[in-house]
PDB file of N, CA and C in Angstrom:
ATOM      1  N   MET A   1      42.242-157.734 -44.602  1.00  0.00           N
ATOM      2  CA  MET A   1      41.467-158.268 -45.700  1.00  0.00           C
ATOM      3  C   MET A   1      40.706-159.499 -45.209  1.00  0.00           C
ATOM      4  N   ASN A   2      39.447-159.596 -45.588  1.00  0.00           N
ATOM      5  CA  ASN A   2      38.621-160.715 -45.166  1.00  0.00           C
ATOM      6  C   ASN A   2      38.945-161.974 -45.954  1.00  0.00           C
ATOM      7  N   THR A   3      38.907-163.100 -45.257  1.00  0.00           N
ATOM      8  CA  THR A   3      39.077-164.383 -45.926  1.00  0.00           C
ATOM      9  C   THR A   3      37.762-164.712 -46.622  1.00  0.00           C
ATOM     10  N   PRO A   4      37.800-165.050 -47.914  1.00  0.00           N
ATOM     11  CA  PRO A   4      36.554-165.339 -48.625  1.00  0.00           C
ATOM     12  C   PRO A   4      35.841-166.543 -48.012  1.00  0.00           C
ATOM     13  N   ILE A   5      34.532-166.439 -47.916  1.00  0.00           N
ATOM     14  CA  ILE A   5      33.702-167.557 -47.484  1.00  0.00           C
ATOM     15  C   ILE A   5      33.515-168.452 -48.702  1.00  0.00           C
ATOM     16  N   LYS A   6      33.671-169.762 -48.500  1.00  0.00           N
ATOM     17  CA  LYS A   6      33.523-170.695 -49.615  1.00  0.00           C
ATOM     18  C   LYS A   6      32.427-171.707 -49.318  1.00  0.00           C
ATOM     19  N   ILE A   7      31.793-172.170 -50.385  1.00  0.00           N
ATOM     20  CA  ILE A   7      30.791-173.216 -50.267  1.00  0.00           C
ATOM     21  C   ILE A   7      31.227-174.402 -51.120  1.00  0.00           C
ATOM     22  N   LYS A   8      30.830-175.591 -50.685  1.00  0.00           N
ATOM     23  CA  LYS A   8      31.097-176.793 -51.472  1.00  0.00           C
ATOM     24  C   LYS A   8      29.911-177.021 -52.398  1.00  0.00           C
ATOM     25  N   VAL A   9      30.216-177.247 -53.670  1.00  0.00           N
ATOM     26  CA  VAL A   9      29.197-177.428 -54.695  1.00  0.00           C
ATOM     27  C   VAL A   9      29.383-178.806 -55.322  1.00  0.00           C
ATOM     28  N   LYS A  10      28.275-179.504 -55.557  1.00  0.00           N
ATOM     29  CA  LYS A  10      28.328-180.802 -56.228  1.00  0.00           C
ATOM     30  C   LYS A  10      27.409-180.723 -57.438  1.00  0.00           C
ATOM     31  N   ILE A  11      27.931-181.079 -58.619  1.00  0.00           N
ATOM     32  CA  ILE A  11      27.208-180.940 -59.880  1.00  0.00           C
ATOM     33  C   ILE A  11      27.145-182.297 -60.568  1.00  0.00           C
ATOM     34  N   ALA A  12      25.946-182.689 -60.981  1.00  0.00           N
ATOM     35  CA  ALA A  12      25.756-183.924 -61.731  1.00  0.00           C
ATOM     36  C   ALA A  12      26.010-183.640 -63.206  1.00  0.00           C
ATOM     37  N   VAL A  13      26.795-184.503 -63.854  1.00  0.00           N
ATOM     38  CA  VAL A  13      27.101-184.339 -65.271  1.00  0.00           C
ATOM     39  C   VAL A  13      26.859-185.660 -65.983  1.00  0.00           C
ATOM     40  N   ALA A  14      26.160-185.584 -67.117  1.00  0.00           N
ATOM     41  CA  ALA A  14      25.964-186.753 -67.973  1.00  0.00           C
ATOM     42  C   ALA A  14      26.522-186.423 -69.352  1.00  0.00           C
ATOM     43  N   VAL A  15      27.283-187.375 -69.925  1.00  0.00           N
ATOM     44  CA  VAL A  15      27.862-187.203 -71.259  1.00  0.00           C
ATOM     45  C   VAL A  15      27.361-188.345 -72.132  1.00  0.00           C
ATOM     46  N   GLY A  16      26.666-187.979 -73.221  1.00  0.00           N
ATOM     47  CA  GLY A  16      26.126-188.974 -74.127  1.00  0.00           C
ATOM     48  C   GLY A  16      27.179-189.514 -75.077  1.00  0.00           C
ATOM     49  N   PRO A  17      26.904-190.667 -75.689  1.00  0.00           N
ATOM     50  CA  PRO A  17      27.860-191.278 -76.609  1.00  0.00           C
ATOM     51  C   PRO A  17      28.125-190.424 -77.853  1.00  0.00           C
ATOM     52  N   ASP A  18      27.242-189.480 -78.133  1.00  0.00           N
ATOM     53  CA  ASP A  18      27.422-188.592 -79.282  1.00  0.00           C
ATOM     54  C   ASP A  18      28.182-187.311 -78.917  1.00  0.00           C
ATOM     55  N   GLY A  19      28.626-187.215 -77.648  1.00  0.00           N
ATOM     56  CA  GLY A  19      29.355-186.030 -77.199  1.00  0.00           C
ATOM     57  C   GLY A  19      28.482-184.969 -76.566  1.00  0.00           C
ATOM     58  N   SER A  20      27.170-185.142 -76.613  1.00  0.00           N
ATOM     59  CA  SER A  20      26.289-184.179 -75.942  1.00  0.00           C
ATOM     60  C   SER A  20      26.481-184.321 -74.432  1.00  0.00           C
ATOM     61  N   TRP A  21      26.247-183.242 -73.702  1.00  0.00           N
ATOM     62  CA  TRP A  21      26.408-183.297 -72.255  1.00  0.00           C
ATOM     63  C   TRP A  21      25.399-182.378 -71.580  1.00  0.00           C
ATOM     64  N   ASN A  22      25.179-182.616 -70.301  1.00  0.00           N
ATOM     65  CA  ASN A  22      24.286-181.798 -69.496  1.00  0.00           C
ATOM     66  C   ASN A  22      24.804-181.800 -68.063  1.00  0.00           C
ATOM     67  N   ALA A  23      24.826-180.627 -67.443  1.00  0.00           N
ATOM     68  CA  ALA A  23      25.258-180.485 -66.048  1.00  0.00           C
ATOM     69  C   ALA A  23      24.127-179.852 -65.245  1.00  0.00           C
ATOM     70  N   VAL A  24      23.892-180.403 -64.055  1.00  0.00           N
ATOM     71  CA  VAL A  24      22.768-179.948 -63.234  1.00  0.00           C
ATOM     72  C   VAL A  24      23.201-179.885 -61.768  1.00  0.00           C
ATOM     73  N   GLY A  25      22.778-178.837 -61.089  1.00  0.00           N
ATOM     74  CA  GLY A  25      23.005-178.744 -59.650  1.00  0.00           C
ATOM     75  C   GLY A  25      22.350-177.497 -59.088  1.00  0.00           C
ATOM     76  N   TRP A  26      21.884-177.593 -57.876  1.00  0.00           N
ATOM     77  CA  TRP A  26      21.333-176.436 -57.178  1.00  0.00           C
ATOM     78  C   TRP A  26      21.384-176.714 -55.693  1.00  0.00           C
ATOM     79  N   SER A  27      21.353-175.660 -54.899  1.00  0.00           N
ATOM     80  CA  SER A  27      21.637-175.786 -53.469  1.00  0.00           C
ATOM     81  C   SER A  27      20.563-176.508 -52.667  1.00  0.00           C
ATOM     82  N   ASN A  28      19.334-176.480 -53.101  1.00  0.00           N
ATOM     83  CA  ASN A  28      18.278-177.102 -52.290  1.00  0.00           C
ATOM     84  C   ASN A  28      17.637-178.298 -52.995  1.00  0.00           C
ATOM     85  N   ALA A  29      18.416-179.040 -53.753  1.00  0.00           N
ATOM     86  CA  ALA A  29      17.895-180.242 -54.419  1.00  0.00           C
ATOM     87  C   ALA A  29      17.427-181.229 -53.360  1.00  0.00           C
ATOM     88  N   SER A  30      16.341-181.920 -53.652  1.00  0.00           N
ATOM     89  CA  SER A  30      15.812-182.858 -52.664  1.00  0.00           C
ATOM     90  C   SER A  30      16.676-184.107 -52.543  1.00  0.00           C
ATOM     91  N   SER A  31      17.419-184.450 -53.619  1.00  0.00           N
ATOM     92  CA  SER A  31      18.316-185.611 -53.544  1.00  0.00           C
ATOM     93  C   SER A  31      19.359-185.549 -54.663  1.00  0.00           C
ATOM     94  N   MET A  32      20.435-186.276 -54.460  1.00  0.00           N
ATOM     95  CA  MET A  32      21.467-186.377 -55.488  1.00  0.00           C
ATOM     96  C   MET A  32      20.901-187.125 -56.699  1.00  0.00           C
ATOM     97  N   LYS A  33      20.069-188.107 -56.440  1.00  0.00           N
ATOM     98  CA  LYS A  33      19.449-188.874 -57.520  1.00  0.00           C
ATOM     99  C   LYS A  33      18.631-187.955 -58.426  1.00  0.00           C
ATOM    100  N   GLU A  34      17.906-187.022 -57.825  1.00  0.00           N
ATOM    101  CA  GLU A  34      17.091-186.081 -58.609  1.00  0.00           C
ATOM    102  C   GLU A  34      17.970-185.282 -59.572  1.00  0.00           C
ATOM    103  N   MET A  35      19.109-184.791 -59.090  1.00  0.00           N
ATOM    104  CA  MET A  35      20.000-184.021 -59.960  1.00  0.00           C
ATOM    105  C   MET A  35      20.523-184.876 -61.109  1.00  0.00           C
ATOM    106  N   MET A  36      20.967-186.094 -60.801  1.00  0.00           N
ATOM    107  CA  MET A  36      21.520-186.948 -61.851  1.00  0.00           C
ATOM    108  C   MET A  36      20.435-187.361 -62.837  1.00  0.00           C
ATOM    109  N   ASP A  37      19.225-187.644 -62.351  1.00  0.00           N
ATOM    110  CA  ASP A  37      18.136-188.015 -63.255  1.00  0.00           C
ATOM    111  C   ASP A  37      17.864-186.911 -64.272  1.00  0.00           C
ATOM    112  N   ILE A  38      17.896-185.669 -63.833  1.00  0.00           N
ATOM    113  CA  ILE A  38      17.661-184.542 -64.741  1.00  0.00           C
ATOM    114  C   ILE A  38      18.812-184.416 -65.733  1.00  0.00           C
ATOM    115  N   ALA A  39      20.045-184.583 -65.261  1.00  0.00           N
ATOM    116  CA  ALA A  39      21.209-184.504 -66.158  1.00  0.00           C
ATOM    117  C   ALA A  39      21.116-185.573 -67.242  1.00  0.00           C
ATOM    118  N   VAL A  40      20.737-186.794 -66.870  1.00  0.00           N
ATOM    119  CA  VAL A  40      20.676-187.925 -67.802  1.00  0.00           C
ATOM    120  C   VAL A  40      19.537-187.756 -68.809  1.00  0.00           C
ATOM    121  N   ASP A  41      18.437-187.147 -68.389  1.00  0.00           N
ATOM    122  CA  ASP A  41      17.278-186.975 -69.273  1.00  0.00           C
ATOM    123  C   ASP A  41      17.595-186.195 -70.537  1.00  0.00           C
ATOM    124  N   GLU A  42      18.635-185.375 -70.516  1.00  0.00           N
ATOM    125  CA  GLU A  42      18.926-184.477 -71.636  1.00  0.00           C
ATOM    126  C   GLU A  42      19.993-185.003 -72.596  1.00  0.00           C
ATOM    127  N   VAL A  43      20.473-186.234 -72.388  1.00  0.00           N
ATOM    128  CA  VAL A  43      21.481-186.794 -73.291  1.00  0.00           C
ATOM    129  C   VAL A  43      21.015-188.144 -73.828  1.00  0.00           C
ATOM    130  N   SER A  44      21.691-188.625 -74.870  1.00  0.00           N
ATOM    131  CA  SER A  44      21.346-189.908 -75.488  1.00  0.00           C
ATOM    132  C   SER A  44      21.642-191.060 -74.542  1.00  0.00           C
ATOM    133  N   ASP A  45      20.903-192.169 -74.725  1.00  0.00           N
ATOM    134  CA  ASP A  45      21.134-193.378 -73.930  1.00  0.00           C
ATOM    135  C   ASP A  45      22.560-193.877 -74.116  1.00  0.00           C
ATOM    136  N   GLY A  46      23.085-194.513 -73.082  1.00  0.00           N
ATOM    137  CA  GLY A  46      24.457-195.013 -73.112  1.00  0.00           C
ATOM    138  C   GLY A  46      25.430-194.006 -72.535  1.00  0.00           C
ATOM    139  N   GLU A  47      24.919-193.101 -71.719  1.00  0.00           N
ATOM    140  CA  GLU A  47      25.714-191.997 -71.171  1.00  0.00           C
ATOM    141  C   GLU A  47      26.711-192.469 -70.118  1.00  0.00           C
ATOM    142  N   ASN A  48      27.724-191.642 -69.897  1.00  0.00           N
ATOM    143  CA  ASN A  48      28.596-191.747 -68.731  1.00  0.00           C
ATOM    144  C   ASN A  48      28.115-190.708 -67.734  1.00  0.00           C
ATOM    145  N   ARG A  49      28.222-191.038 -66.445  1.00  0.00           N
ATOM    146  CA  ARG A  49      27.766-190.137 -65.382  1.00  0.00           C
ATOM    147  C   ARG A  49      28.943-189.748 -64.500  1.00  0.00           C
ATOM    148  N   PHE A  50      28.967-188.467 -64.137  1.00  0.00           N
ATOM    149  CA  PHE A  50      30.062-187.934 -63.322  1.00  0.00           C
ATOM    150  C   PHE A  50      29.507-186.998 -62.257  1.00  0.00           C
ATOM    151  N   TRP A  51      30.269-186.837 -61.178  1.00  0.00           N
ATOM    152  CA  TRP A  51      30.006-185.807 -60.179  1.00  0.00           C
ATOM    153  C   TRP A  51      31.205-184.873 -60.138  1.00  0.00           C
ATOM    154  N   ILE A  52      30.947-183.590 -60.226  1.00  0.00           N
ATOM    155  CA  ILE A  52      31.998-182.584 -60.087  1.00  0.00           C
ATOM    156  C   ILE A  52      31.806-181.940 -58.721  1.00  0.00           C
ATOM    157  N   GLU A  53      32.869-181.928 -57.916  1.00  0.00           N
ATOM    158  CA  GLU A  53      32.824-181.288 -56.610  1.00  0.00           C
ATOM    159  C   GLU A  53      33.868-180.177 -56.579  1.00  0.00           C
ATOM    160  N   VAL A  54      33.449-178.998 -56.142  1.00  0.00           N
ATOM    161  CA  VAL A  54      34.349-177.847 -56.138  1.00  0.00           C
ATOM    162  C   VAL A  54      33.940-176.902 -55.010  1.00  0.00           C
ATOM    163  N   GLU A  55      34.918-176.141 -54.501  1.00  0.00           N
ATOM    164  CA  GLU A  55      34.623-175.073 -53.549  1.00  0.00           C
ATOM    165  C   GLU A  55      34.639-173.753 -54.301  1.00  0.00           C
ATOM    166  N   LEU A  56      33.603-172.961 -54.113  1.00  0.00           N
ATOM    167  CA  LEU A  56      33.476-171.671 -54.800  1.00  0.00           C
ATOM    168  C   LEU A  56      33.314-170.555 -53.776  1.00  0.00           C
ATOM    169  N   PRO A  57      33.858-169.357 -54.070  1.00  0.00           N
ATOM    170  CA  PRO A  57      33.708-168.244 -53.135  1.00  0.00           C
ATOM    171  C   PRO A  57      32.294-167.655 -53.203  1.00  0.00           C
ATOM    172  N   VAL A  58      31.805-167.275 -52.034  1.00  0.00           N
ATOM    173  CA  VAL A  58      30.512-166.595 -51.936  1.00  0.00           C
ATOM    174  C   VAL A  58      30.772-165.097 -52.116  1.00  0.00           C
ATOM    175  N   PRO A  59      29.975-164.427 -52.973  1.00  0.00           N
ATOM    176  CA  PRO A  59      30.182-162.980 -53.146  1.00  0.00           C
ATOM    177  C   PRO A  59      30.038-162.247 -51.806  1.00  0.00           C
ATOM    178  N   GLN A  60      30.919-161.297 -51.579  1.00  0.00           N
ATOM    179  CA  GLN A  60      30.880-160.501 -50.359  1.00  0.00           C
ATOM    180  C   GLN A  60      30.920-159.028 -50.702  1.00  0.00           C
ATOM    181  N   GLU A  61      30.242-158.249 -49.898  1.00  0.00           N
ATOM    182  CA  GLU A  61      30.285-156.801 -50.061  1.00  0.00           C
ATOM    183  C   GLU A  61      31.640-156.298 -49.591  1.00  0.00           C
ATOM    184  N   VAL A  62      32.218-155.381 -50.348  1.00  0.00           N
ATOM    185  CA  VAL A  62      33.524-154.829 -50.011  1.00  0.00           C
ATOM    186  C   VAL A  62      33.375-153.337 -49.760  1.00  0.00           C
ATOM    187  N   THR A  63      33.973-152.855 -48.684  1.00  0.00           N
ATOM    188  CA  THR A  63      33.964-151.429 -48.375  1.00  0.00           C
ATOM    189  C   THR A  63      35.374-150.891 -48.559  1.00  0.00           C
ATOM    190  N   ILE A  64      35.489-149.828 -49.345  1.00  0.00           N
ATOM    191  CA  ILE A  64      36.784-149.190 -49.578  1.00  0.00           C
ATOM    192  C   ILE A  64      36.724-147.794 -48.976  1.00  0.00           C
ATOM    193  N   ILE A  65      37.658-147.496 -48.101  1.00  0.00           N
ATOM    194  CA  ILE A  65      37.705-146.183 -47.457  1.00  0.00           C
ATOM    195  C   ILE A  65      38.845-145.397 -48.094  1.00  0.00           C
ATOM    196  N   VAL A  66      38.521-144.229 -48.615  1.00  0.00           N
ATOM    197  CA  VAL A  66      39.514-143.382 -49.279  1.00  0.00           C
ATOM    198  C   VAL A  66      39.571-142.050 -48.544  1.00  0.00           C
ATOM    199  N   ASP A  67      40.771-141.585 -48.295  1.00  0.00           N
ATOM    200  CA  ASP A  67      40.951-140.288 -47.659  1.00  0.00           C
ATOM    201  C   ASP A  67      40.503-139.203 -48.628  1.00  0.00           C
ATOM    202  N   LYS A  68      39.713-138.270 -48.155  1.00  0.00           N
ATOM    203  CA  LYS A  68      39.173-137.171 -48.962  1.00  0.00           C
ATOM    204  C   LYS A  68      40.292-136.458 -49.726  1.00  0.00           C
ATOM    205  N   TYR A  69      41.445-136.291 -49.133  1.00  0.00           N
ATOM    206  CA  TYR A  69      42.525-135.551 -49.764  1.00  0.00           C
ATOM    207  C   TYR A  69      43.146-136.318 -50.934  1.00  0.00           C
ATOM    208  N   ASP A  70      43.049-137.625 -50.893  1.00  0.00           N
ATOM    209  CA  ASP A  70      43.556-138.433 -52.003  1.00  0.00           C
ATOM    210  C   ASP A  70      42.756-138.156 -53.267  1.00  0.00           C
ATOM    211  N   ILE A  71      41.475-137.898 -53.139  1.00  0.00           N
ATOM    212  CA  ILE A  71      40.608-137.677 -54.286  1.00  0.00           C
ATOM    213  C   ILE A  71      40.810-136.270 -54.851  1.00  0.00           C
ATOM    214  N   GLU A  72      40.870-135.275 -53.979  1.00  0.00           N
ATOM    215  CA  GLU A  72      40.936-133.894 -54.429  1.00  0.00           C
ATOM    216  C   GLU A  72      42.365-133.454 -54.746  1.00  0.00           C
ATOM    217  N   GLY A  73      43.346-134.174 -54.324  1.00  0.00           N
ATOM    218  CA  GLY A  73      44.748-133.796 -54.596  1.00  0.00           C
ATOM    219  C   GLY A  73      45.268-133.038 -53.479  1.00  0.00           C
TER     220      GLY A  73
END
């Protein structure tokens, strides 16, 4: 069995004082500041700012080999 390939992801999150929130992230962002600026633009002033960092698996193609006799009985 193949070991899943994982990528590190960083997501900018802004939470407004009214409970509204916005999360932003993409792999080719020009800067971390750009991501946070976009997250903050969508919530009320007085926000809290957070970074979420996580490792996620990259989808992989899976090949399953089944013996012909298993299918036909």
